[in-house]
């Protein structure tokens, strides 16, 4: 017997969104820290700008989209 899925209430999904945001910020910061080890300043700037653009471009990504991308990578 298949049950109808009830969408989570905003109160339930809010902690998950908060945790996901914290994980994304931690990833962003670790990328920026890693870029400090790139010797050439021009390369550092280029990689920083690329990372910034990628994060900005994916700022509205959902967990569903991430899950789908993980499936493609397997």
C-alpha atoms as a PDB file:
ATOM      1  CA  UNK A   1       0.000   0.000   0.000  1.00  0.00           C
ATOM      2  CA  UNK A   2       1.613   3.243  -1.137  1.00  0.00           C
ATOM      3  CA  UNK A   3       1.254   6.197   1.180  1.00  0.00           C
ATOM      4  CA  UNK A   4       0.833   9.703  -0.078  1.00  0.00           C
ATOM      5  CA  UNK A   5       3.874  11.798   0.700  1.00  0.00           C
ATOM      6  CA  UNK A   6       3.146  14.770   2.870  1.00  0.00           C
ATOM      7  CA  UNK A   7       5.525  17.641   2.240  1.00  0.00           C
ATOM      8  CA  UNK A   8       7.526  18.573   5.318  1.00  0.00           C
ATOM      9  CA  UNK A   9       6.278  21.580   7.181  1.00  0.00           C
ATOM     10  CA  UNK A  10       8.497  24.669   7.063  1.00  0.00           C
ATOM     11  CA  UNK A  11       9.334  24.170  10.735  1.00  0.00           C
ATOM     12  CA  UNK A  12      10.729  20.708   9.992  1.00  0.00           C
ATOM     13  CA  UNK A  13      12.722  21.630   6.883  1.00  0.00           C
ATOM     14  CA  UNK A  14      14.185  24.821   8.359  1.00  0.00           C
ATOM     15  CA  UNK A  15      16.854  23.042  10.444  1.00  0.00           C
ATOM     16  CA  UNK A  16      17.896  21.011   7.390  1.00  0.00           C
ATOM     17  CA  UNK A  17      18.188  24.197   5.327  1.00  0.00           C
ATOM     18  CA  UNK A  18      20.222  25.825   8.073  1.00  0.00           C
ATOM     19  CA  UNK A  19      22.590  22.839   8.272  1.00  0.00           C
ATOM     20  CA  UNK A  20      22.948  22.689   4.484  1.00  0.00           C
ATOM     21  CA  UNK A  21      23.774  26.402   4.417  1.00  0.00           C
ATOM     22  CA  UNK A  22      26.436  25.883   7.077  1.00  0.00           C
ATOM     23  CA  UNK A  23      27.945  23.003   5.062  1.00  0.00           C
ATOM     24  CA  UNK A  24      28.017  25.090   1.883  1.00  0.00           C
ATOM     25  CA  UNK A  25      29.663  28.015   3.671  1.00  0.00           C
ATOM     26  CA  UNK A  26      32.242  25.685   5.196  1.00  0.00           C
ATOM     27  CA  UNK A  27      33.002  24.254   1.744  1.00  0.00           C
ATOM     28  CA  UNK A  28      33.328  27.746   0.265  1.00  0.00           C
ATOM     29  CA  UNK A  29      35.700  28.831   3.019  1.00  0.00           C
ATOM     30  CA  UNK A  30      37.826  25.705   2.651  1.00  0.00           C
ATOM     31  CA  UNK A  31      38.110  26.326  -1.091  1.00  0.00           C
ATOM     32  CA  UNK A  32      39.228  29.902  -0.456  1.00  0.00           C
ATOM     33  CA  UNK A  33      41.773  28.691   2.119  1.00  0.00           C
ATOM     34  CA  UNK A  34      43.102  26.105  -0.340  1.00  0.00           C
ATOM     35  CA  UNK A  35      43.508  28.805  -2.972  1.00  0.00           C
ATOM     36  CA  UNK A  36      46.006  30.568  -0.699  1.00  0.00           C
ATOM     37  CA  UNK A  37      48.443  27.783  -1.616  1.00  0.00           C
ATOM     38  CA  UNK A  38      48.317  28.592  -5.340  1.00  0.00           C
ATOM     39  CA  UNK A  39      51.657  30.296  -6.034  1.00  0.00           C
ATOM     40  CA  UNK A  40      50.709  32.591  -8.915  1.00  0.00           C
ATOM     41  CA  UNK A  41      48.556  35.566  -7.926  1.00  0.00           C
ATOM     42  CA  UNK A  42      46.827  35.676 -11.313  1.00  0.00           C
ATOM     43  CA  UNK A  43      45.892  31.994 -11.027  1.00  0.00           C
ATOM     44  CA  UNK A  44      44.641  32.537  -7.465  1.00  0.00           C
ATOM     45  CA  UNK A  45      42.412  35.391  -8.608  1.00  0.00           C
ATOM     46  CA  UNK A  46      41.128  33.404 -11.560  1.00  0.00           C
ATOM     47  CA  UNK A  47      40.293  30.369  -9.429  1.00  0.00           C
ATOM     48  CA  UNK A  48      38.712  32.541  -6.733  1.00  0.00           C
ATOM     49  CA  UNK A  49      36.530  34.263  -9.317  1.00  0.00           C
ATOM     50  CA  UNK A  50      35.566  30.892 -10.798  1.00  0.00           C
ATOM     51  CA  UNK A  51      34.615  29.468  -7.370  1.00  0.00           C
ATOM     52  CA  UNK A  52      32.663  32.614  -6.543  1.00  0.00           C
ATOM     53  CA  UNK A  53      30.759  32.436  -9.833  1.00  0.00           C
ATOM     54  CA  UNK A  54      29.966  28.737  -9.322  1.00  0.00           C
ATOM     55  CA  UNK A  55      28.619  29.288  -5.826  1.00  0.00           C
ATOM     56  CA  UNK A  56      26.582  32.296  -6.925  1.00  0.00           C
ATOM     57  CA  UNK A  57      25.245  30.375  -9.913  1.00  0.00           C
ATOM     58  CA  UNK A  58      24.122  27.520  -7.688  1.00  0.00           C
ATOM     59  CA  UNK A  59      22.801  29.558  -4.779  1.00  0.00           C
ATOM     60  CA  UNK A  60      19.225  28.441  -5.492  1.00  0.00           C
ATOM     61  CA  UNK A  61      20.101  24.756  -5.870  1.00  0.00           C
ATOM     62  CA  UNK A  62      17.964  22.370  -3.863  1.00  0.00           C
ATOM     63  CA  UNK A  63      18.789  19.142  -2.081  1.00  0.00           C
ATOM     64  CA  UNK A  64      16.827  17.372  -4.814  1.00  0.00           C
ATOM     65  CA  UNK A  65      19.134  18.771  -7.476  1.00  0.00           C
ATOM     66  CA  UNK A  66      22.187  17.789  -5.469  1.00  0.00           C
ATOM     67  CA  UNK A  67      20.848  14.271  -5.022  1.00  0.00           C
ATOM     68  CA  UNK A  68      20.287  13.996  -8.760  1.00  0.00           C
ATOM     69  CA  UNK A  69      23.845  15.180  -9.435  1.00  0.00           C
ATOM     70  CA  UNK A  70      25.240  12.601  -6.994  1.00  0.00           C
ATOM     71  CA  UNK A  71      23.410   9.881  -8.905  1.00  0.00           C
ATOM     72  CA  UNK A  72      25.072  11.018 -12.139  1.00  0.00           C
ATOM     73  CA  UNK A  73      28.506  10.908 -10.526  1.00  0.00           C
ATOM     74  CA  UNK A  74      28.152   7.295  -9.387  1.00  0.00           C
END
